Amino acid sequence: MSTRIKLQRLGRKHCPEYNIIVASTHKAKRRAVMPIEVLGHYRPNPIFDKESEKMMKKCELDFDRCKYWISVGSDISYPVFKLFDKAGLGAFGKGARKYHYLKKADPANGQIEREAKKYVQKLDLEKWRKEFAA
């Protein structure tokens, strides 16, 4: 069974909240799918945080379960990929190389290109999965 980590919209009109879920990618079950597992939630609208006394977007993730589903071979949707990258989980998944090159490197400035190549070398996914499984 093929799975995908994606966002499931909750909340009322103009006030979205999202669950980060693992769901089946089977065609018949795609639309109104029951999640296999809920990995966390994300609130894109800033709310006031009493500890830091700032307006902040809220994102909570279970890192261990996220790493498990990535190691099993789940696809990652692009919005979830961006959330994982901001959270420091890293750029993993089948489309990681494709998503990294959204910003095109300027040929006149070789620095960006070199950094991008170093970053892609770090993404050796098969090696990461073997280390994670061991």
N, C-alpha and C. Protein backbone atom coordinates (compact mmCIF):
# COMPACT_ATOMS: atom_id res chain seq x y z
N MET A 1 0.85 -1.18 0.00
CA MET A 1 0.00 0.00 0.00
C MET A 1 0.89 1.24 0.00
N SER A 2 0.63 2.13 -0.92
CA SER A 2 1.40 3.36 -1.04
C SER A 2 0.78 4.43 -0.14
N THR A 3 1.64 5.13 0.57
CA THR A 3 1.16 6.15 1.50
C THR A 3 1.77 7.51 1.18
N ARG A 4 1.13 8.54 1.70
CA ARG A 4 1.60 9.91 1.48
C ARG A 4 1.37 10.72 2.75
N ILE A 5 2.36 11.53 3.10
CA ILE A 5 2.22 12.45 4.24
C ILE A 5 1.70 13.76 3.67
N LYS A 6 0.55 14.21 4.16
CA LYS A 6 -0.07 15.40 3.59
C LYS A 6 -0.84 16.17 4.66
N LEU A 7 -1.38 17.31 4.27
CA LEU A 7 -2.18 18.14 5.17
C LEU A 7 -3.67 17.82 5.00
N GLN A 8 -4.38 17.77 6.10
CA GLN A 8 -5.83 17.59 6.08
C GLN A 8 -6.44 18.85 6.69
N ARG A 9 -7.27 19.54 5.92
CA ARG A 9 -7.81 20.82 6.38
C ARG A 9 -8.91 20.61 7.41
N LEU A 10 -8.83 21.39 8.47
CA LEU A 10 -9.85 21.45 9.50
C LEU A 10 -10.17 22.92 9.73
N GLY A 11 -11.06 23.20 10.65
CA GLY A 11 -11.35 24.59 11.00
C GLY A 11 -12.45 25.18 10.14
N ARG A 12 -12.87 26.35 10.53
CA ARG A 12 -13.97 26.99 9.83
C ARG A 12 -13.46 27.89 8.70
N LYS A 13 -14.39 28.55 8.06
CA LYS A 13 -14.09 29.43 6.94
C LYS A 13 -13.14 30.56 7.37
N HIS A 14 -12.11 30.82 6.58
CA HIS A 14 -11.11 31.87 6.82
C HIS A 14 -10.28 31.65 8.08
N CYS A 15 -10.36 30.50 8.68
CA CYS A 15 -9.57 30.21 9.88
C CYS A 15 -9.09 28.76 9.80
N PRO A 16 -8.16 28.49 8.88
CA PRO A 16 -7.77 27.10 8.66
C PRO A 16 -6.87 26.54 9.77
N GLU A 17 -7.03 25.27 9.99
CA GLU A 17 -6.13 24.47 10.82
C GLU A 17 -5.91 23.19 10.05
N TYR A 18 -4.72 22.63 10.16
CA TYR A 18 -4.41 21.43 9.40
C TYR A 18 -3.86 20.35 10.32
N ASN A 19 -4.29 19.12 10.08
CA ASN A 19 -3.64 17.97 10.68
C ASN A 19 -2.62 17.47 9.67
N ILE A 20 -1.45 17.08 10.13
CA ILE A 20 -0.45 16.46 9.28
C ILE A 20 -0.67 14.97 9.42
N ILE A 21 -1.09 14.32 8.32
CA ILE A 21 -1.53 12.93 8.40
C ILE A 21 -0.76 12.04 7.43
N VAL A 22 -0.83 10.75 7.68
CA VAL A 22 -0.37 9.73 6.74
C VAL A 22 -1.63 9.11 6.17
N ALA A 23 -1.78 9.13 4.84
CA ALA A 23 -2.99 8.61 4.20
C ALA A 23 -2.61 7.74 3.00
N SER A 24 -3.54 6.90 2.60
CA SER A 24 -3.35 6.04 1.44
C SER A 24 -3.43 6.88 0.17
N THR A 25 -2.68 6.49 -0.86
CA THR A 25 -2.74 7.20 -2.13
C THR A 25 -3.61 6.46 -3.14
N HIS A 26 -4.33 5.43 -2.69
CA HIS A 26 -5.20 4.67 -3.58
C HIS A 26 -6.25 5.60 -4.16
N LYS A 27 -6.50 5.50 -5.47
CA LYS A 27 -7.36 6.44 -6.18
C LYS A 27 -8.77 6.53 -5.61
N ALA A 28 -9.36 5.39 -5.29
CA ALA A 28 -10.74 5.38 -4.81
C ALA A 28 -10.87 5.99 -3.42
N LYS A 29 -9.79 5.95 -2.64
CA LYS A 29 -9.85 6.42 -1.25
C LYS A 29 -9.24 7.80 -1.06
N ARG A 30 -8.89 8.47 -2.14
CA ARG A 30 -8.10 9.69 -2.03
C ARG A 30 -8.84 10.86 -1.38
N ARG A 31 -10.10 11.08 -1.73
CA ARG A 31 -10.79 12.30 -1.30
C ARG A 31 -11.16 12.29 0.19
N ALA A 32 -12.09 11.44 0.56
CA ALA A 32 -12.55 11.40 1.95
C ALA A 32 -11.87 10.24 2.66
N VAL A 33 -10.60 10.38 2.86
CA VAL A 33 -9.81 9.28 3.41
C VAL A 33 -9.68 9.42 4.93
N MET A 34 -9.76 8.30 5.60
CA MET A 34 -9.47 8.28 7.03
C MET A 34 -7.95 8.18 7.17
N PRO A 35 -7.35 9.02 7.97
CA PRO A 35 -5.89 8.96 8.10
C PRO A 35 -5.43 7.67 8.77
N ILE A 36 -4.29 7.17 8.32
CA ILE A 36 -3.68 6.01 8.96
C ILE A 36 -3.14 6.44 10.32
N GLU A 37 -2.52 7.64 10.33
CA GLU A 37 -1.96 8.17 11.57
C GLU A 37 -1.90 9.69 11.49
N VAL A 38 -2.10 10.35 12.60
CA VAL A 38 -1.96 11.80 12.68
C VAL A 38 -0.59 12.08 13.29
N LEU A 39 0.26 12.80 12.53
CA LEU A 39 1.63 13.06 12.96
C LEU A 39 1.78 14.39 13.71
N GLY A 40 0.81 15.25 13.57
CA GLY A 40 0.88 16.55 14.24
C GLY A 40 -0.17 17.48 13.69
N HIS A 41 -0.06 18.75 14.04
CA HIS A 41 -0.98 19.74 13.48
C HIS A 41 -0.25 21.05 13.22
N TYR A 42 -0.87 21.87 12.35
CA TYR A 42 -0.28 23.13 11.90
C TYR A 42 -1.38 24.19 11.83
N ARG A 43 -1.11 25.33 12.44
CA ARG A 43 -2.02 26.48 12.39
C ARG A 43 -1.30 27.62 11.68
N PRO A 44 -1.67 27.92 10.43
CA PRO A 44 -0.95 28.96 9.67
C PRO A 44 -1.26 30.38 10.11
N ASN A 45 -2.41 30.61 10.75
CA ASN A 45 -2.73 31.96 11.23
C ASN A 45 -1.99 32.22 12.53
N PRO A 46 -1.28 33.34 12.62
CA PRO A 46 -0.52 33.63 13.85
C PRO A 46 -1.44 33.81 15.06
N ILE A 47 -1.03 33.23 16.18
CA ILE A 47 -1.74 33.40 17.44
C ILE A 47 -0.74 33.92 18.47
N PHE A 48 -1.25 34.58 19.50
CA PHE A 48 -0.37 35.18 20.51
C PHE A 48 0.18 34.09 21.43
N ASP A 49 1.51 34.04 21.55
CA ASP A 49 2.18 33.08 22.42
C ASP A 49 2.57 33.80 23.71
N LYS A 50 2.08 33.32 24.84
CA LYS A 50 2.32 34.00 26.13
C LYS A 50 3.78 33.91 26.57
N GLU A 51 4.45 32.80 26.25
CA GLU A 51 5.84 32.62 26.69
C GLU A 51 6.77 33.62 26.01
N SER A 52 6.70 33.71 24.68
CA SER A 52 7.60 34.61 23.96
C SER A 52 6.99 36.00 23.76
N GLU A 53 5.71 36.16 24.06
CA GLU A 53 4.98 37.41 23.90
C GLU A 53 5.05 37.93 22.46
N LYS A 54 4.89 37.02 21.51
CA LYS A 54 4.89 37.36 20.09
C LYS A 54 3.75 36.62 19.40
N MET A 55 3.40 37.10 18.22
CA MET A 55 2.44 36.39 17.38
C MET A 55 3.21 35.31 16.64
N MET A 56 2.77 34.06 16.76
CA MET A 56 3.49 32.95 16.14
C MET A 56 2.54 31.97 15.47
N LYS A 57 3.03 31.37 14.38
CA LYS A 57 2.32 30.27 13.76
C LYS A 57 2.67 29.01 14.55
N LYS A 58 1.72 28.11 14.70
CA LYS A 58 1.95 26.96 15.56
C LYS A 58 2.04 25.69 14.71
N CYS A 59 3.11 24.92 14.93
CA CYS A 59 3.29 23.65 14.23
C CYS A 59 3.84 22.64 15.23
N GLU A 60 3.12 21.55 15.44
CA GLU A 60 3.57 20.50 16.34
C GLU A 60 3.72 19.21 15.54
N LEU A 61 4.88 18.56 15.68
CA LEU A 61 5.18 17.33 14.95
C LEU A 61 5.72 16.27 15.90
N ASP A 62 5.42 15.01 15.59
CA ASP A 62 6.03 13.89 16.27
C ASP A 62 7.20 13.44 15.39
N PHE A 63 8.42 13.90 15.71
CA PHE A 63 9.58 13.67 14.86
C PHE A 63 9.88 12.19 14.65
N ASP A 64 9.75 11.38 15.69
CA ASP A 64 10.06 9.95 15.57
C ASP A 64 9.14 9.27 14.57
N ARG A 65 7.85 9.57 14.65
CA ARG A 65 6.89 8.94 13.73
C ARG A 65 7.08 9.47 12.30
N CYS A 66 7.43 10.76 12.17
CA CYS A 66 7.71 11.32 10.84
C CYS A 66 8.88 10.60 10.20
N LYS A 67 9.95 10.42 10.97
CA LYS A 67 11.13 9.72 10.45
C LYS A 67 10.80 8.28 10.09
N TYR A 68 9.94 7.64 10.89
CA TYR A 68 9.55 6.26 10.60
C TYR A 68 8.83 6.18 9.25
N TRP A 69 7.84 7.05 9.04
CA TRP A 69 7.06 6.98 7.81
C TRP A 69 7.91 7.34 6.59
N ILE A 70 8.86 8.24 6.76
CA ILE A 70 9.76 8.57 5.66
C ILE A 70 10.65 7.38 5.34
N SER A 71 11.14 6.70 6.39
CA SER A 71 12.03 5.55 6.18
C SER A 71 11.29 4.38 5.52
N VAL A 72 9.99 4.27 5.77
CA VAL A 72 9.19 3.21 5.16
C VAL A 72 8.98 3.49 3.67
N GLY A 73 9.07 4.74 3.26
CA GLY A 73 8.96 5.09 1.85
C GLY A 73 7.75 5.92 1.49
N SER A 74 7.16 6.60 2.45
CA SER A 74 5.99 7.44 2.17
C SER A 74 6.40 8.66 1.35
N ASP A 75 5.52 9.05 0.44
CA ASP A 75 5.71 10.30 -0.29
C ASP A 75 5.42 11.47 0.65
N ILE A 76 5.92 12.64 0.28
CA ILE A 76 5.65 13.84 1.07
C ILE A 76 5.07 14.88 0.14
N SER A 77 3.94 15.47 0.51
CA SER A 77 3.38 16.55 -0.31
C SER A 77 4.28 17.79 -0.14
N TYR A 78 4.19 18.71 -1.11
CA TYR A 78 5.07 19.86 -1.09
C TYR A 78 4.88 20.76 0.14
N PRO A 79 3.64 21.07 0.56
CA PRO A 79 3.49 21.89 1.77
C PRO A 79 4.08 21.23 3.02
N VAL A 80 3.94 19.92 3.13
CA VAL A 80 4.50 19.21 4.27
C VAL A 80 6.03 19.19 4.17
N PHE A 81 6.54 19.06 2.96
CA PHE A 81 7.99 19.11 2.74
C PHE A 81 8.55 20.43 3.27
N LYS A 82 7.87 21.55 2.97
CA LYS A 82 8.34 22.86 3.44
C LYS A 82 8.27 22.95 4.96
N LEU A 83 7.22 22.40 5.56
CA LEU A 83 7.11 22.41 7.03
C LEU A 83 8.23 21.59 7.66
N PHE A 84 8.50 20.41 7.11
CA PHE A 84 9.57 19.56 7.64
C PHE A 84 10.91 20.27 7.54
N ASP A 85 11.12 20.95 6.42
CA ASP A 85 12.39 21.65 6.20
C ASP A 85 12.55 22.78 7.21
N LYS A 86 11.49 23.54 7.49
CA LYS A 86 11.55 24.62 8.47
C LYS A 86 11.72 24.09 9.89
N ALA A 87 11.15 22.92 10.15
CA ALA A 87 11.24 22.33 11.48
C ALA A 87 12.60 21.68 11.73
N GLY A 88 13.42 21.57 10.68
CA GLY A 88 14.74 21.00 10.84
C GLY A 88 14.78 19.50 10.66
N LEU A 89 13.71 18.93 10.11
CA LEU A 89 13.67 17.49 9.89
C LEU A 89 14.47 17.10 8.67
N GLY A 90 14.70 18.02 7.76
CA GLY A 90 15.52 17.73 6.59
C GLY A 90 14.66 17.53 5.35
N ALA A 91 15.31 17.52 4.20
CA ALA A 91 14.62 17.36 2.93
C ALA A 91 14.66 15.90 2.53
N PHE A 92 13.63 15.17 2.88
CA PHE A 92 13.58 13.74 2.57
C PHE A 92 12.44 13.47 1.61
N GLY A 93 12.38 12.26 1.12
CA GLY A 93 11.29 11.85 0.24
C GLY A 93 11.73 11.71 -1.19
N LYS A 94 10.83 11.17 -2.01
CA LYS A 94 11.16 10.88 -3.40
C LYS A 94 11.46 12.15 -4.19
N GLY A 95 10.75 13.24 -3.90
CA GLY A 95 10.92 14.46 -4.68
C GLY A 95 11.86 15.46 -4.06
N ALA A 96 12.70 15.04 -3.12
CA ALA A 96 13.54 15.99 -2.39
C ALA A 96 14.47 16.76 -3.33
N ARG A 97 15.07 16.09 -4.29
CA ARG A 97 15.98 16.77 -5.20
C ARG A 97 15.22 17.78 -6.07
N LYS A 98 14.04 17.40 -6.51
CA LYS A 98 13.23 18.29 -7.35
C LYS A 98 12.84 19.55 -6.58
N TYR A 99 12.41 19.40 -5.34
CA TYR A 99 11.97 20.54 -4.55
C TYR A 99 13.12 21.47 -4.20
N HIS A 100 14.32 20.92 -4.06
CA HIS A 100 15.46 21.76 -3.66
C HIS A 100 15.82 22.76 -4.75
N TYR A 101 15.59 22.41 -6.00
CA TYR A 101 16.00 23.27 -7.10
C TYR A 101 14.90 24.22 -7.56
N LEU A 102 13.97 24.56 -6.68
CA LEU A 102 12.95 25.54 -7.06
C LEU A 102 13.59 26.91 -7.32
N LYS A 103 14.59 27.27 -6.53
CA LYS A 103 15.32 28.51 -6.77
C LYS A 103 16.48 28.16 -7.69
N LYS A 104 16.46 28.72 -8.87
CA LYS A 104 17.48 28.39 -9.86
C LYS A 104 18.79 29.11 -9.52
N ALA A 105 19.88 28.37 -9.61
CA ALA A 105 21.19 28.94 -9.31
C ALA A 105 21.62 29.87 -10.44
N ASP A 106 22.18 31.01 -10.07
CA ASP A 106 22.67 31.97 -11.03
C ASP A 106 24.04 31.51 -11.53
N PRO A 107 24.23 31.34 -12.88
CA PRO A 107 25.52 30.87 -13.38
C PRO A 107 26.68 31.82 -13.07
N ALA A 108 26.39 33.12 -12.95
CA ALA A 108 27.45 34.08 -12.63
C ALA A 108 27.92 33.91 -11.19
N ASN A 109 27.03 33.47 -10.33
CA ASN A 109 27.38 33.30 -8.92
C ASN A 109 27.48 31.80 -8.62
N GLY A 110 28.67 31.27 -8.61
CA GLY A 110 28.88 29.83 -8.41
C GLY A 110 28.63 29.38 -6.98
N GLN A 111 28.57 30.31 -6.04
CA GLN A 111 28.40 29.96 -4.63
C GLN A 111 27.08 29.23 -4.40
N ILE A 112 26.00 29.74 -4.95
CA ILE A 112 24.69 29.12 -4.78
C ILE A 112 24.70 27.71 -5.35
N GLU A 113 25.31 27.57 -6.52
CA GLU A 113 25.36 26.27 -7.18
C GLU A 113 26.15 25.27 -6.34
N ARG A 114 27.28 25.69 -5.77
CA ARG A 114 28.09 24.79 -4.95
C ARG A 114 27.35 24.38 -3.68
N GLU A 115 26.68 25.34 -3.04
CA GLU A 115 25.91 25.01 -1.84
C GLU A 115 24.80 24.03 -2.17
N ALA A 116 24.14 24.23 -3.33
CA ALA A 116 23.06 23.33 -3.73
C ALA A 116 23.61 21.92 -3.96
N LYS A 117 24.78 21.82 -4.60
CA LYS A 117 25.35 20.49 -4.84
C LYS A 117 25.72 19.81 -3.53
N LYS A 118 26.29 20.56 -2.59
CA LYS A 118 26.62 19.98 -1.28
C LYS A 118 25.37 19.48 -0.59
N TYR A 119 24.30 20.26 -0.69
CA TYR A 119 23.04 19.91 -0.03
C TYR A 119 22.46 18.63 -0.62
N VAL A 120 22.51 18.49 -1.94
CA VAL A 120 21.99 17.29 -2.60
C VAL A 120 22.84 16.08 -2.22
N GLN A 121 24.13 16.26 -2.06
CA GLN A 121 24.97 15.14 -1.65
C GLN A 121 24.60 14.66 -0.25
N LYS A 122 24.18 15.56 0.61
CA LYS A 122 23.76 15.18 1.96
C LYS A 122 22.48 14.35 1.94
N LEU A 123 21.70 14.44 0.86
CA LEU A 123 20.39 13.81 0.82
C LEU A 123 20.40 12.34 0.42
N ASP A 124 21.52 11.67 0.46
CA ASP A 124 21.59 10.27 0.03
C ASP A 124 20.54 9.46 0.80
N LEU A 125 19.37 9.35 0.22
CA LEU A 125 18.19 8.82 0.91
C LEU A 125 18.33 7.34 1.23
N GLU A 126 18.86 6.55 0.29
CA GLU A 126 18.99 5.11 0.53
C GLU A 126 19.93 4.86 1.71
N LYS A 127 21.02 5.60 1.79
CA LYS A 127 21.96 5.46 2.90
C LYS A 127 21.28 5.85 4.21
N TRP A 128 20.49 6.92 4.18
CA TRP A 128 19.79 7.37 5.38
C TRP A 128 18.80 6.32 5.85
N ARG A 129 18.05 5.71 4.91
CA ARG A 129 17.08 4.69 5.28
C ARG A 129 17.75 3.47 5.89
N LYS A 130 18.90 3.06 5.33
CA LYS A 130 19.63 1.91 5.88
C LYS A 130 20.12 2.20 7.30
N GLU A 131 20.65 3.40 7.51
CA GLU A 131 21.12 3.78 8.85
C GLU A 131 19.96 3.85 9.83
N PHE A 132 18.82 4.34 9.36
CA PHE A 132 17.66 4.48 10.24
C PHE A 132 17.11 3.11 10.62
N ALA A 133 17.11 2.17 9.67
CA ALA A 133 16.57 0.83 9.93
C ALA A 133 17.48 0.03 10.85
N ALA A 134 18.78 0.31 10.83
CA ALA A 134 19.74 -0.45 11.65
C ALA A 134 19.68 -0.06 13.11
